[in-house]
Amino acid sequence: MRTPGSLNRQPGEMTPREIEVVGLLCRGYTYHQIAERLKMTDECARETVKRARRATECETVYQLVAEFAAKREKSKNTERG
């Protein structure tokens, strides 16, 4: 199922909600903790991560987290200039 935020996005582009969920995953939150924090079900948290994986063409959650963390670190370094 496609969500409204994912209808017109480019390959590799995550929705704001996917970015939020993956960001929490990077901080070590479990699906259950993400669900509680964002007022969603555990299944919704899992599905959001699956959509983010498809959007970024990551085969595993580990790859998704690693790529997300690397992009975030790169943008921090760019901002510091």
Protein backbone atom coordinates (compact mmCIF):
# COMPACT_ATOMS: atom_id res chain seq x y z
CA MET A 1 0.00 0.00 0.00
CA ARG A 2 1.31 3.40 -0.92
CA THR A 3 0.96 6.28 1.48
CA PRO A 4 0.20 9.84 0.31
CA GLY A 5 3.73 10.99 1.18
CA SER A 6 5.28 8.25 -0.94
CA LEU A 7 3.31 8.75 -4.16
CA ASN A 8 5.61 11.20 -5.94
CA ARG A 9 8.98 10.68 -4.32
CA GLN A 10 12.24 10.00 -6.06
CA PRO A 11 14.17 6.73 -5.54
CA GLY A 12 16.18 6.91 -2.32
CA GLU A 13 13.91 9.59 -0.84
CA MET A 14 12.17 8.87 2.46
CA THR A 15 9.04 10.56 3.76
CA PRO A 16 9.33 12.76 6.87
CA ARG A 17 7.66 10.00 8.94
CA GLU A 18 10.09 7.39 7.65
CA ILE A 19 13.00 9.69 8.51
CA GLU A 20 11.59 10.14 12.01
CA VAL A 21 11.17 6.39 12.56
CA VAL A 22 14.57 5.46 11.12
CA GLY A 23 16.19 8.20 13.20
CA LEU A 24 14.80 6.60 16.35
CA LEU A 25 15.91 3.18 15.15
CA CYS A 26 19.43 4.62 14.76
CA ARG A 27 19.32 5.76 18.37
CA GLY A 28 18.67 2.19 19.48
CA TYR A 29 14.91 2.31 19.95
CA THR A 30 13.01 -0.94 19.46
CA TYR A 31 9.93 -1.11 17.25
CA HIS A 32 7.83 -1.18 20.40
CA GLN A 33 9.54 1.91 21.84
CA ILE A 34 9.17 3.75 18.53
CA ALA A 35 5.48 2.84 18.44
CA GLU A 36 4.91 4.10 21.98
CA ARG A 37 6.81 7.34 21.38
CA LEU A 38 5.07 8.12 18.08
CA LYS A 39 1.61 6.86 19.12
CA MET A 40 1.42 4.08 16.54
CA THR A 41 1.24 0.31 16.64
CA ASP A 42 4.32 -1.90 16.61
CA GLU A 43 3.21 -3.20 13.21
CA CYS A 44 2.97 0.35 11.85
CA ALA A 45 6.54 1.03 13.01
CA ARG A 46 7.72 -2.15 11.25
CA GLU A 47 5.84 -1.27 8.05
CA THR A 48 7.29 2.25 8.07
CA VAL A 49 10.80 0.77 8.24
CA LYS A 50 9.92 -1.64 5.41
CA ARG A 51 8.77 1.28 3.25
CA ALA A 52 11.99 3.16 4.06
CA ARG A 53 14.01 0.09 3.08
CA ARG A 54 12.18 -0.16 -0.24
CA ALA A 55 12.57 3.56 -0.91
CA THR A 56 16.31 3.44 -0.27
CA GLU A 57 16.78 0.00 -1.82
CA CYS A 58 18.37 -1.32 1.37
CA GLU A 59 18.22 -5.09 1.74
CA THR A 60 18.40 -5.11 5.55
CA VAL A 61 17.50 -2.90 8.46
CA TYR A 62 21.20 -2.83 9.36
CA GLN A 63 22.07 -1.42 5.95
CA LEU A 64 19.30 1.17 6.27
CA VAL A 65 20.52 2.30 9.69
CA ALA A 66 24.16 2.43 8.53
CA GLU A 67 23.34 4.48 5.43
CA PHE A 68 21.04 6.81 7.36
CA ALA A 69 23.68 7.38 10.06
CA ALA A 70 26.38 8.00 7.42
CA LYS A 71 24.19 10.56 5.61
CA ARG A 72 23.38 12.30 8.88
CA GLU A 73 27.07 12.44 9.84
CA LYS A 74 27.99 13.77 6.40
CA SER A 75 25.37 16.53 6.63
CA LYS A 76 26.65 17.49 10.11
CA ASN A 77 30.20 17.76 8.76
CA THR A 78 29.00 19.83 5.80
CA GLU A 79 27.14 22.23 8.11
CA ARG A 80 30.28 22.75 10.22
CA GLY A 81 32.20 23.47 7.00
